[in-house]
């Protein structure tokens, strides 16, 4: 009975951790998109508003580089399935081990 309760609690914790990781990843992605939009607007305004003291070739190379940076909204978000199920730095004790083994394994 106790073992089943521990296993259920572990599954609940794993689901909660996966949900929190997803929310965190989504918020990071949103912030990165905001920063990228801001950087693009700053770069495009600077490059167009001020004459380049270097040659046109050099300015064109810089403009090509800036416009070659991919838009993060068009890129797939890489998510490793094993990091969602078993996230790093979060240790969930195995319900089949003894209490002392759990304490030994979970302590830093």
PDB file of N, CA and C in Angstrom:
ATOM      1  N   UNK A   1       0.824  -1.191   0.000  1.00  0.00           N
ATOM      2  CA  UNK A   1       0.000   0.000   0.000  1.00  0.00           C
ATOM      3  C   UNK A   1       0.872   1.261   0.000  1.00  0.00           C
ATOM      4  N   UNK A   2       1.868   1.274   0.884  1.00  0.00           N
ATOM      5  CA  UNK A   2       2.774   2.416   0.976  1.00  0.00           C
ATOM      6  C   UNK A   2       3.572   2.577  -0.318  1.00  0.00           C
ATOM      7  N   UNK A   3       4.008   1.461  -0.893  1.00  0.00           N
ATOM      8  CA  UNK A   3       4.785   1.492  -2.132  1.00  0.00           C
ATOM      9  C   UNK A   3       3.962   2.089  -3.277  1.00  0.00           C
ATOM     10  N   UNK A   4       2.705   1.724  -3.367  1.00  0.00           N
ATOM     11  CA  UNK A   4       1.830   2.263  -4.417  1.00  0.00           C
ATOM     12  C   UNK A   4       1.640   3.766  -4.241  1.00  0.00           C
ATOM     13  N   UNK A   5       1.471   4.212  -2.998  1.00  0.00           N
ATOM     14  CA  UNK A   5       1.306   5.643  -2.728  1.00  0.00           C
ATOM     15  C   UNK A   5       2.560   6.417  -3.118  1.00  0.00           C
ATOM     16  N   UNK A   6       3.723   5.850  -2.818  1.00  0.00           N
ATOM     17  CA  UNK A   6       4.991   6.496  -3.168  1.00  0.00           C
ATOM     18  C   UNK A   6       5.147   6.574  -4.684  1.00  0.00           C
ATOM     19  N   UNK A   7       4.802   5.498  -5.378  1.00  0.00           N
ATOM     20  CA  UNK A   7       4.915   5.500  -6.842  1.00  0.00           C
ATOM     21  C   UNK A   7       3.969   6.525  -7.468  1.00  0.00           C
ATOM     22  N   UNK A   8       2.755   6.627  -6.938  1.00  0.00           N
ATOM     23  CA  UNK A   8       1.800   7.612  -7.450  1.00  0.00           C
ATOM     24  C   UNK A   8       2.326   9.022  -7.216  1.00  0.00           C
ATOM     25  N   UNK A   9       2.868   9.267  -6.032  1.00  0.00           N
ATOM     26  CA  UNK A   9       3.424  10.586  -5.714  1.00  0.00           C
ATOM     27  C   UNK A   9       4.583  10.909  -6.645  1.00  0.00           C
ATOM     28  N   UNK A  10       5.410   9.913  -6.930  1.00  0.00           N
ATOM     29  CA  UNK A  10       6.550  10.112  -7.835  1.00  0.00           C
ATOM     30  C   UNK A  10       6.061  10.495  -9.231  1.00  0.00           C
ATOM     31  N   UNK A  11       5.042   9.806  -9.719  1.00  0.00           N
ATOM     32  CA  UNK A  11       4.488  10.130 -11.036  1.00  0.00           C
ATOM     33  C   UNK A  11       3.908  11.545 -11.055  1.00  0.00           C
ATOM     34  N   UNK A  12       3.250  11.932  -9.964  1.00  0.00           N
ATOM     35  CA  UNK A  12       2.711  13.289  -9.875  1.00  0.00           C
ATOM     36  C   UNK A  12       3.836  14.318  -9.904  1.00  0.00           C
ATOM     37  N   UNK A  13       4.917  14.038  -9.170  1.00  0.00           N
ATOM     38  CA  UNK A  13       6.058  14.954  -9.154  1.00  0.00           C
ATOM     39  C   UNK A  13       6.702  15.057 -10.530  1.00  0.00           C
ATOM     40  N   UNK A  14       6.854  13.919 -11.209  1.00  0.00           N
ATOM     41  CA  UNK A  14       7.448  13.934 -12.544  1.00  0.00           C
ATOM     42  C   UNK A  14       6.586  14.736 -13.514  1.00  0.00           C
ATOM     43  N   UNK A  15       5.275  14.588 -13.429  1.00  0.00           N
ATOM     44  CA  UNK A  15       4.375  15.348 -14.302  1.00  0.00           C
ATOM     45  C   UNK A  15       4.473  16.838 -13.998  1.00  0.00           C
ATOM     46  N   UNK A  16       4.559  17.179 -12.707  1.00  0.00           N
ATOM     47  CA  UNK A  16       4.685  18.577 -12.311  1.00  0.00           C
ATOM     48  C   UNK A  16       6.000  19.162 -12.815  1.00  0.00           C
ATOM     49  N   UNK A  17       7.077  18.404 -12.692  1.00  0.00           N
ATOM     50  CA  UNK A  17       8.387  18.867 -13.161  1.00  0.00           C
ATOM     51  C   UNK A  17       8.354  19.080 -14.669  1.00  0.00           C
ATOM     52  N   UNK A  18       7.765  18.149 -15.402  1.00  0.00           N
ATOM     53  CA  UNK A  18       7.681  18.278 -16.860  1.00  0.00           C
ATOM     54  C   UNK A  18       6.884  19.524 -17.244  1.00  0.00           C
ATOM     55  N   UNK A  19       5.791  19.773 -16.506  1.00  0.00           N
ATOM     56  CA  UNK A  19       4.964  20.949 -16.791  1.00  0.00           C
ATOM     57  C   UNK A  19       5.744  22.236 -16.508  1.00  0.00           C
ATOM     58  N   UNK A  20       6.466  22.265 -15.384  1.00  0.00           N
ATOM     59  CA  UNK A  20       7.246  23.459 -15.033  1.00  0.00           C
ATOM     60  C   UNK A  20       8.360  23.711 -16.042  1.00  0.00           C
ATOM     61  N   UNK A  21       9.009  22.647 -16.500  1.00  0.00           N
ATOM     62  CA  UNK A  21      10.072  22.793 -17.497  1.00  0.00           C
ATOM     63  C   UNK A  21       9.495  23.360 -18.787  1.00  0.00           C
ATOM     64  N   UNK A  22       8.337  22.876 -19.205  1.00  0.00           N
ATOM     65  CA  UNK A  22       7.699  23.362 -20.437  1.00  0.00           C
ATOM     66  C   UNK A  22       7.351  24.836 -20.310  1.00  0.00           C
ATOM     67  N   UNK A  23       6.795  25.245 -19.169  1.00  0.00           N
ATOM     68  CA  UNK A  23       6.454  26.654 -18.955  1.00  0.00           C
ATOM     69  C   UNK A  23       7.716  27.502 -19.001  1.00  0.00           C
ATOM     70  N   UNK A  24       8.790  27.024 -18.365  1.00  0.00           N
ATOM     71  CA  UNK A  24      10.056  27.757 -18.365  1.00  0.00           C
ATOM     72  C   UNK A  24      10.606  27.875 -19.784  1.00  0.00           C
ATOM     73  N   UNK A  25      10.604  26.779 -20.545  1.00  0.00           N
ATOM     74  CA  UNK A  25      11.104  26.809 -21.917  1.00  0.00           C
ATOM     75  C   UNK A  25      10.294  27.778 -22.769  1.00  0.00           C
ATOM     76  N   UNK A  26       8.984  27.779 -22.595  1.00  0.00           N
ATOM     77  CA  UNK A  26       8.139  28.697 -23.359  1.00  0.00           C
ATOM     78  C   UNK A  26       8.448  30.150 -23.014  1.00  0.00           C
ATOM     79  N   UNK A  27       8.649  30.441 -21.724  1.00  0.00           N
ATOM     80  CA  UNK A  27       8.946  31.821 -21.329  1.00  0.00           C
ATOM     81  C   UNK A  27      10.316  32.255 -21.840  1.00  0.00           C
ATOM     82  N   UNK A  28      11.290  31.353 -21.818  1.00  0.00           N
ATOM     83  CA  UNK A  28      12.618  31.674 -22.351  1.00  0.00           C
ATOM     84  C   UNK A  28      12.523  31.931 -23.852  1.00  0.00           C
ATOM     85  N   UNK A  29      11.780  31.091 -24.559  1.00  0.00           N
ATOM     86  CA  UNK A  29      11.609  31.262 -26.006  1.00  0.00           C
ATOM     87  C   UNK A  29      10.974  32.616 -26.313  1.00  0.00           C
ATOM     88  N   UNK A  30       9.960  32.995 -25.539  1.00  0.00           N
ATOM     89  CA  UNK A  30       9.291  34.276 -25.745  1.00  0.00           C
ATOM     90  C   UNK A  30      10.250  35.439 -25.505  1.00  0.00           C
ATOM     91  N   UNK A  31      11.033  35.366 -24.444  1.00  0.00           N
ATOM     92  CA  UNK A  31      12.003  36.425 -24.158  1.00  0.00           C
ATOM     93  C   UNK A  31      13.066  36.515 -25.247  1.00  0.00           C
ATOM     94  N   UNK A  32      13.518  35.369 -25.750  1.00  0.00           N
ATOM     95  CA  UNK A  32      14.513  35.367 -26.826  1.00  0.00           C
ATOM     96  C   UNK A  32      13.935  36.007 -28.089  1.00  0.00           C
ATOM     97  N   UNK A  33      12.685  35.734 -28.387  1.00  0.00           N
ATOM     98  CA  UNK A  33      12.044  36.344 -29.551  1.00  0.00           C
ATOM     99  C   UNK A  33      11.941  37.859 -29.382  1.00  0.00           C
ATOM    100  N   UNK A  34      11.586  38.310 -28.179  1.00  0.00           N
ATOM    101  CA  UNK A  34      11.507  39.746 -27.923  1.00  0.00           C
ATOM    102  C   UNK A  34      12.872  40.402 -28.095  1.00  0.00           C
ATOM    103  N   UNK A  35      13.913  39.766 -27.531  1.00  0.00           N
ATOM    104  CA  UNK A  35      15.263  40.311 -27.660  1.00  0.00           C
ATOM    105  C   UNK A  35      15.718  40.323 -29.110  1.00  0.00           C
ATOM    106  N   UNK A  36      15.396  39.277 -29.855  1.00  0.00           N
ATOM    107  CA  UNK A  36      15.785  39.212 -31.254  1.00  0.00           C
ATOM    108  C   UNK A  36      15.089  40.310 -32.056  1.00  0.00           C
ATOM    109  N   UNK A  37      13.794  40.514 -31.813  1.00  0.00           N
ATOM    110  CA  UNK A  37      13.069  41.587 -32.502  1.00  0.00           C
ATOM    111  C   UNK A  37      13.679  42.949 -32.177  1.00  0.00           C
ATOM    112  N   UNK A  38      14.009  43.144 -30.910  1.00  0.00           N
ATOM    113  CA  UNK A  38      14.613  44.404 -30.498  1.00  0.00           C
ATOM    114  C   UNK A  38      15.967  44.599 -31.177  1.00  0.00           C
ATOM    115  N   UNK A  39      16.798  43.542 -31.197  1.00  0.00           N
ATOM    116  CA  UNK A  39      18.119  43.634 -31.824  1.00  0.00           C
ATOM    117  C   UNK A  39      17.994  43.901 -33.321  1.00  0.00           C
ATOM    118  N   UNK A  40      17.053  43.234 -33.965  1.00  0.00           N
ATOM    119  CA  UNK A  40      16.849  43.464 -35.405  1.00  0.00           C
ATOM    120  C   UNK A  40      16.429  44.910 -35.670  1.00  0.00           C
ATOM    121  N   UNK A  41      15.532  45.438 -34.862  1.00  0.00           N
ATOM    122  CA  UNK A  41      15.081  46.812 -35.091  1.00  0.00           C
ATOM    123  C   UNK A  41      16.223  47.797 -34.838  1.00  0.00           C
ATOM    124  N   UNK A  42      17.028  47.530 -33.828  1.00  0.00           N
ATOM    125  CA  UNK A  42      18.173  48.400 -33.546  1.00  0.00           C
ATOM    126  C   UNK A  42      19.191  48.328 -34.676  1.00  0.00           C
ATOM    127  N   UNK A  43      19.515  47.105 -35.110  1.00  0.00           N
ATOM    128  CA  UNK A  43      20.520  46.940 -36.165  1.00  0.00           C
ATOM    129  C   UNK A  43      20.054  47.546 -37.481  1.00  0.00           C
ATOM    130  N   UNK A  44      18.816  47.305 -37.857  1.00  0.00           N
ATOM    131  CA  UNK A  44      18.348  47.817 -39.146  1.00  0.00           C
ATOM    132  C   UNK A  44      18.300  49.337 -39.123  1.00  0.00           C
ATOM    133  N   UNK A  45      17.865  49.912 -38.020  1.00  0.00           N
ATOM    134  CA  UNK A  45      17.820  51.362 -37.922  1.00  0.00           C
ATOM    135  C   UNK A  45      19.196  51.987 -37.949  1.00  0.00           C
ATOM    136  N   UNK A  46      20.145  51.379 -37.280  1.00  0.00           N
ATOM    137  CA  UNK A  46      21.508  51.916 -37.229  1.00  0.00           C
ATOM    138  C   UNK A  46      22.160  51.822 -38.596  1.00  0.00           C
ATOM    139  N   UNK A  47      22.004  50.697 -39.249  1.00  0.00           N
ATOM    140  CA  UNK A  47      22.672  50.512 -40.534  1.00  0.00           C
ATOM    141  C   UNK A  47      22.080  51.401 -41.623  1.00  0.00           C
ATOM    142  N   UNK A  48      20.792  51.704 -41.540  1.00  0.00           N
ATOM    143  CA  UNK A  48      20.176  52.520 -42.576  1.00  0.00           C
ATOM    144  C   UNK A  48      20.282  54.012 -42.268  1.00  0.00           C
ATOM    145  N   UNK A  49      20.291  54.398 -41.015  1.00  0.00           N
ATOM    146  CA  UNK A  49      20.240  55.811 -40.649  1.00  0.00           C
ATOM    147  C   UNK A  49      21.591  56.514 -40.763  1.00  0.00           C
ATOM    148  N   UNK A  50      22.667  55.805 -40.521  1.00  0.00           N
ATOM    149  CA  UNK A  50      23.972  56.443 -40.514  1.00  0.00           C
ATOM    150  C   UNK A  50      24.799  55.978 -41.706  1.00  0.00           C
ATOM    151  N   UNK A  51      25.459  56.920 -42.356  1.00  0.00           N
ATOM    152  CA  UNK A  51      26.326  56.499 -43.462  1.00  0.00           C
ATOM    153  C   UNK A  51      27.513  55.710 -42.922  1.00  0.00           C
ATOM    154  N   UNK A  52      27.893  54.724 -43.654  1.00  0.00           N
ATOM    155  CA  UNK A  52      28.995  53.867 -43.226  1.00  0.00           C
ATOM    156  C   UNK A  52      30.315  54.498 -43.647  1.00  0.00           C
ATOM    157  N   UNK A  53      31.239  54.725 -42.707  1.00  0.00           N
ATOM    158  CA  UNK A  53      32.519  55.333 -43.080  1.00  0.00           C
ATOM    159  C   UNK A  53      33.384  54.387 -43.924  1.00  0.00           C
ATOM    160  N   UNK A  54      33.107  53.105 -43.866  1.00  0.00           N
ATOM    161  CA  UNK A  54      33.874  52.146 -44.658  1.00  0.00           C
ATOM    162  C   UNK A  54      33.291  52.092 -46.070  1.00  0.00           C
ATOM    163  N   UNK A  55      33.871  51.254 -46.870  1.00  0.00           N
ATOM    164  CA  UNK A  55      33.402  51.134 -48.257  1.00  0.00           C
ATOM    165  C   UNK A  55      32.003  50.518 -48.297  1.00  0.00           C
ATOM    166  N   UNK A  56      31.308  50.720 -49.401  1.00  0.00           N
ATOM    167  CA  UNK A  56      29.973  50.146 -49.572  1.00  0.00           C
ATOM    168  C   UNK A  56      30.019  48.632 -49.496  1.00  0.00           C
ATOM    169  N   UNK A  57      31.102  48.050 -49.979  1.00  0.00           N
ATOM    170  CA  UNK A  57      31.246  46.592 -49.932  1.00  0.00           C
ATOM    171  C   UNK A  57      31.226  46.090 -48.494  1.00  0.00           C
ATOM    172  N   UNK A  58      31.954  46.787 -47.627  1.00  0.00           N
ATOM    173  CA  UNK A  58      31.995  46.377 -46.223  1.00  0.00           C
ATOM    174  C   UNK A  58      30.633  46.560 -45.564  1.00  0.00           C
ATOM    175  N   UNK A  59      29.965  47.657 -45.873  1.00  0.00           N
ATOM    176  CA  UNK A  59      28.623  47.884 -45.308  1.00  0.00           C
ATOM    177  C   UNK A  59      27.653  46.823 -45.800  1.00  0.00           C
ATOM    178  N   UNK A  60      27.747  46.494 -47.075  1.00  0.00           N
ATOM    179  CA  UNK A  60      26.867  45.461 -47.624  1.00  0.00           C
ATOM    180  C   UNK A  60      27.113  44.121 -46.950  1.00  0.00           C
ATOM    181  N   UNK A  61      28.377  43.826 -46.661  1.00  0.00           N
ATOM    182  CA  UNK A  61      28.699  42.560 -45.991  1.00  0.00           C
ATOM    183  C   UNK A  61      28.073  42.518 -44.602  1.00  0.00           C
ATOM    184  N   UNK A  62      28.132  43.630 -43.882  1.00  0.00           N
ATOM    185  CA  UNK A  62      27.535  43.691 -42.544  1.00  0.00           C
ATOM    186  C   UNK A  62      26.017  43.547 -42.646  1.00  0.00           C
ATOM    187  N   UNK A  63      25.407  44.228 -43.601  1.00  0.00           N
ATOM    188  CA  UNK A  63      23.950  44.133 -43.778  1.00  0.00           C
ATOM    189  C   UNK A  63      23.534  42.709 -44.137  1.00  0.00           C
ATOM    190  N   UNK A  64      24.322  42.053 -45.005  1.00  0.00           N
ATOM    191  CA  UNK A  64      24.007  40.666 -45.367  1.00  0.00           C
ATOM    192  C   UNK A  64      24.104  39.761 -44.142  1.00  0.00           C
ATOM    193  N   UNK A  65      25.123  40.001 -43.310  1.00  0.00           N
ATOM    194  CA  UNK A  65      25.287  39.181 -42.110  1.00  0.00           C
ATOM    195  C   UNK A  65      24.094  39.362 -41.169  1.00  0.00           C
ATOM    196  N   UNK A  66      23.701  40.608 -40.936  1.00  0.00           N
ATOM    197  CA  UNK A  66      22.584  40.877 -40.025  1.00  0.00           C
ATOM    198  C   UNK A  66      21.303  40.249 -40.556  1.00  0.00           C
ATOM    199  N   UNK A  67      21.059  40.370 -41.862  1.00  0.00           N
ATOM    200  CA  UNK A  67      19.826  39.792 -42.397  1.00  0.00           C
ATOM    201  C   UNK A  67      19.900  38.281 -42.553  1.00  0.00           C
ATOM    202  N   UNK A  68      21.099  37.699 -42.432  1.00  0.00           N
ATOM    203  CA  UNK A  68      21.207  36.235 -42.529  1.00  0.00           C
ATOM    204  C   UNK A  68      20.889  35.541 -41.205  1.00  0.00           C
ATOM    205  N   UNK A  69      20.792  36.308 -40.125  1.00  0.00           N
ATOM    206  CA  UNK A  69      20.470  35.713 -38.826  1.00  0.00           C
ATOM    207  C   UNK A  69      19.031  35.206 -38.888  1.00  0.00           C
ATOM    208  N   UNK A  70      18.825  33.900 -38.649  1.00  0.00           N
ATOM    209  CA  UNK A  70      17.470  33.353 -38.781  1.00  0.00           C
ATOM    210  C   UNK A  70      16.535  33.875 -37.695  1.00  0.00           C
ATOM    211  N   UNK A  71      15.299  33.995 -38.070  1.00  0.00           N
ATOM    212  CA  UNK A  71      14.260  34.406 -37.131  1.00  0.00           C
ATOM    213  C   UNK A  71      13.950  33.215 -36.227  1.00  0.00           C
ATOM    214  N   UNK A  72      14.052  33.362 -34.896  1.00  0.00           N
ATOM    215  CA  UNK A  72      13.830  32.215 -34.004  1.00  0.00           C
ATOM    216  C   UNK A  72      12.420  31.637 -34.098  1.00  0.00           C
ATOM    217  N   UNK A  73      11.463  32.431 -34.558  1.00  0.00           N
ATOM    218  CA  UNK A  73      10.098  31.904 -34.697  1.00  0.00           C
ATOM    219  C   UNK A  73      10.005  30.879 -35.818  1.00  0.00           C
ATOM    220  N   UNK A  74      10.971  30.901 -36.736  1.00  0.00           N
ATOM    221  CA  UNK A  74      10.954  29.958 -37.850  1.00  0.00           C
ATOM    222  C   UNK A  74      11.741  28.691 -37.539  1.00  0.00           C
ATOM    223  N   UNK A  75      12.493  28.702 -36.451  1.00  0.00           N
ATOM    224  CA  UNK A  75      13.311  27.545 -36.092  1.00  0.00           C
ATOM    225  C   UNK A  75      12.535  26.619 -35.163  1.00  0.00           C
ATOM    226  N   UNK A  76      12.722  25.311 -35.302  1.00  0.00           N
ATOM    227  CA  UNK A  76      12.073  24.393 -34.362  1.00  0.00           C
ATOM    228  C   UNK A  76      12.738  24.494 -32.995  1.00  0.00           C
ATOM    229  N   UNK A  77      11.969  24.311 -31.955  1.00  0.00           N
ATOM    230  CA  UNK A  77      12.506  24.333 -30.603  1.00  0.00           C
ATOM    231  C   UNK A  77      12.965  22.924 -30.250  1.00  0.00           C
ATOM    232  N   UNK A  78      14.281  22.744 -30.076  1.00  0.00           N
ATOM    233  CA  UNK A  78      14.754  21.393 -29.749  1.00  0.00           C
ATOM    234  C   UNK A  78      14.446  21.051 -28.299  1.00  0.00           C
ATOM    235  N   UNK A  79      13.788  19.937 -28.107  1.00  0.00           N
ATOM    236  CA  UNK A  79      13.472  19.457 -26.762  1.00  0.00           C
ATOM    237  C   UNK A  79      13.818  17.984 -26.717  1.00  0.00           C
ATOM    238  N   UNK A  80      14.721  17.633 -25.837  1.00  0.00           N
ATOM    239  CA  UNK A  80      15.057  16.225 -25.663  1.00  0.00           C
ATOM    240  C   UNK A  80      14.025  15.602 -24.744  1.00  0.00           C
ATOM    241  N   UNK A  81      13.426  14.547 -25.205  1.00  0.00           N
ATOM    242  CA  UNK A  81      12.364  13.900 -24.431  1.00  0.00           C
ATOM    243  C   UNK A  81      12.872  13.423 -23.074  1.00  0.00           C
ATOM    244  N   UNK A  82      14.101  12.909 -23.029  1.00  0.00           N
ATOM    245  CA  UNK A  82      14.592  12.380 -21.758  1.00  0.00           C
ATOM    246  C   UNK A  82      14.818  13.472 -20.727  1.00  0.00           C
ATOM    247  N   UNK A  83      15.055  14.718 -21.145  1.00  0.00           N
ATOM    248  CA  UNK A  83      15.241  15.783 -20.164  1.00  0.00           C
ATOM    249  C   UNK A  83      13.910  16.232 -19.582  1.00  0.00           C
ATOM    250  N   UNK A  84      12.821  16.008 -20.303  1.00  0.00           N
ATOM    251  CA  UNK A  84      11.509  16.355 -19.744  1.00  0.00           C
ATOM    252  C   UNK A  84      11.094  15.306 -18.722  1.00  0.00           C
ATOM    253  N   UNK A  85      11.293  14.043 -19.060  1.00  0.00           N
ATOM    254  CA  UNK A  85      10.907  12.967 -18.150  1.00  0.00           C
ATOM    255  C   UNK A  85      11.867  12.892 -16.972  1.00  0.00           C
ATOM    256  N   UNK A  86      13.144  13.053 -17.222  1.00  0.00           N
ATOM    257  CA  UNK A  86      14.166  12.918 -16.202  1.00  0.00           C
ATOM    258  C   UNK A  86      15.058  14.155 -16.231  1.00  0.00           C
ATOM    259  N   UNK A  87      14.588  15.310 -15.749  1.00  0.00           N
ATOM    260  CA  UNK A  87      15.360  16.539 -15.882  1.00  0.00           C
ATOM    261  C   UNK A  87      16.658  16.494 -15.079  1.00  0.00           C
ATOM    262  N   UNK A  88      17.714  17.150 -15.582  1.00  0.00           N
ATOM    263  CA  UNK A  88      18.971  17.176 -14.847  1.00  0.00           C
ATOM    264  C   UNK A  88      18.816  17.994 -13.559  1.00  0.00           C
ATOM    265  N   UNK A  89      19.597  17.666 -12.582  1.00  0.00           N
ATOM    266  CA  UNK A  89      19.641  18.361 -11.290  1.00  0.00           C
ATOM    267  C   UNK A  89      18.367  18.214 -10.458  1.00  0.00           C
ATOM    268  N   UNK A  90      17.457  17.373 -10.877  1.00  0.00           N
ATOM    269  CA  UNK A  90      16.272  17.084 -10.068  1.00  0.00           C
ATOM    270  C   UNK A  90      16.264  15.581  -9.843  1.00  0.00           C
ATOM    271  N   UNK A  91      16.501  15.177  -8.615  1.00  0.00           N
ATOM    272  CA  UNK A  91      16.640  13.757  -8.320  1.00  0.00           C
ATOM    273  C   UNK A  91      15.402  13.256  -7.594  1.00  0.00           C
ATOM    274  N   UNK A  92      14.716  12.342  -8.226  1.00  0.00           N
ATOM    275  CA  UNK A  92      13.566  11.714  -7.588  1.00  0.00           C
ATOM    276  C   UNK A  92      13.992  10.334  -7.119  1.00  0.00           C
ATOM    277  N   UNK A  93      13.760  10.041  -5.869  1.00  0.00           N
ATOM    278  CA  UNK A  93      14.193   8.761  -5.312  1.00  0.00           C
ATOM    279  C   UNK A  93      13.324   7.623  -5.831  1.00  0.00           C
ATOM    280  N   UNK A  94      13.929   6.476  -6.001  1.00  0.00           N
ATOM    281  CA  UNK A  94      13.221   5.285  -6.468  1.00  0.00           C
ATOM    282  C   UNK A  94      12.421   4.702  -5.303  1.00  0.00           C
ATOM    283  N   UNK A  95      11.169   4.405  -5.559  1.00  0.00           N
ATOM    284  CA  UNK A  95      10.278   3.926  -4.498  1.00  0.00           C
ATOM    285  C   UNK A  95      10.596   2.505  -4.056  1.00  0.00           C
ATOM    286  N   UNK A  96      11.418   1.778  -4.807  1.00  0.00           N
ATOM    287  CA  UNK A  96      11.700   0.389  -4.452  1.00  0.00           C
ATOM    288  C   UNK A  96      12.910   0.248  -3.537  1.00  0.00           C
ATOM    289  N   UNK A  97      13.637   1.306  -3.270  1.00  0.00           N
ATOM    290  CA  UNK A  97      14.818   1.210  -2.412  1.00  0.00           C
ATOM    291  C   UNK A  97      14.425   1.425  -0.955  1.00  0.00           C
ATOM    292  N   UNK A  98      15.315   1.027  -0.074  1.00  0.00           N
ATOM    293  CA  UNK A  98      15.036   1.214   1.352  1.00  0.00           C
ATOM    294  C   UNK A  98      15.125   2.696   1.706  1.00  0.00           C
ATOM    295  N   UNK A  99      14.590   3.059   2.842  1.00  0.00           N
ATOM    296  CA  UNK A  99      14.591   4.452   3.272  1.00  0.00           C
ATOM    297  C   UNK A  99      16.017   4.980   3.402  1.00  0.00           C
ATOM    298  N   UNK A 100      16.934   4.177   3.965  1.00  0.00           N
ATOM    299  CA  UNK A 100      18.312   4.635   4.129  1.00  0.00           C
ATOM    300  C   UNK A 100      18.983   4.842   2.770  1.00  0.00           C
ATOM    301  N   UNK A 101      18.734   3.938   1.822  1.00  0.00           N
ATOM    302  CA  UNK A 101      19.304   4.099   0.481  1.00  0.00           C
ATOM    303  C   UNK A 101      18.751   5.353  -0.191  1.00  0.00           C
ATOM    304  N   UNK A 102      17.475   5.634   0.023  1.00  0.00           N
ATOM    305  CA  UNK A 102      16.883   6.843  -0.545  1.00  0.00           C
ATOM    306  C   UNK A 102      17.535   8.088   0.036  1.00  0.00           C
ATOM    307  N   UNK A 103      17.728   8.086   1.350  1.00  0.00           N
ATOM    308  CA  UNK A 103      18.361   9.235   1.988  1.00  0.00           C
ATOM    309  C   UNK A 103      19.791   9.416   1.499  1.00  0.00           C
ATOM    310  N   UNK A 104      20.519   8.302   1.350  1.00  0.00           N
ATOM    311  CA  UNK A 104      21.898   8.381   0.867  1.00  0.00           C
ATOM    312  C   UNK A 104      21.947   8.918  -0.557  1.00  0.00           C
ATOM    313  N   UNK A 105      21.040   8.464  -1.409  1.00  0.00           N
ATOM    314  CA  UNK A 105      21.060   8.856  -2.815  1.00  0.00           C
ATOM    315  C   UNK A 105      20.589  10.299  -3.009  1.00  0.00           C
ATOM    316  N   UNK A 106      19.610  10.729  -2.230  1.00  0.00           N
ATOM    317  CA  UNK A 106      19.029  12.054  -2.429  1.00  0.00           C
ATOM    318  C   UNK A 106      19.803  13.158  -1.728  1.00  0.00           C
ATOM    319  N   UNK A 107      20.658  12.826  -0.816  1.00  0.00           N
ATOM    320  CA  UNK A 107      21.407  13.875  -0.127  1.00  0.00           C
ATOM    321  C   UNK A 107      22.563  14.330  -1.004  1.00  0.00           C
ATOM    322  N   UNK A 108      22.891  15.640  -0.962  1.00  0.00           N
ATOM    323  CA  UNK A 108      23.944  16.192  -1.839  1.00  0.00           C
ATOM    324  C   UNK A 108      25.324  15.706  -1.514  1.00  0.00           C
TER     325      UNK A 108
END
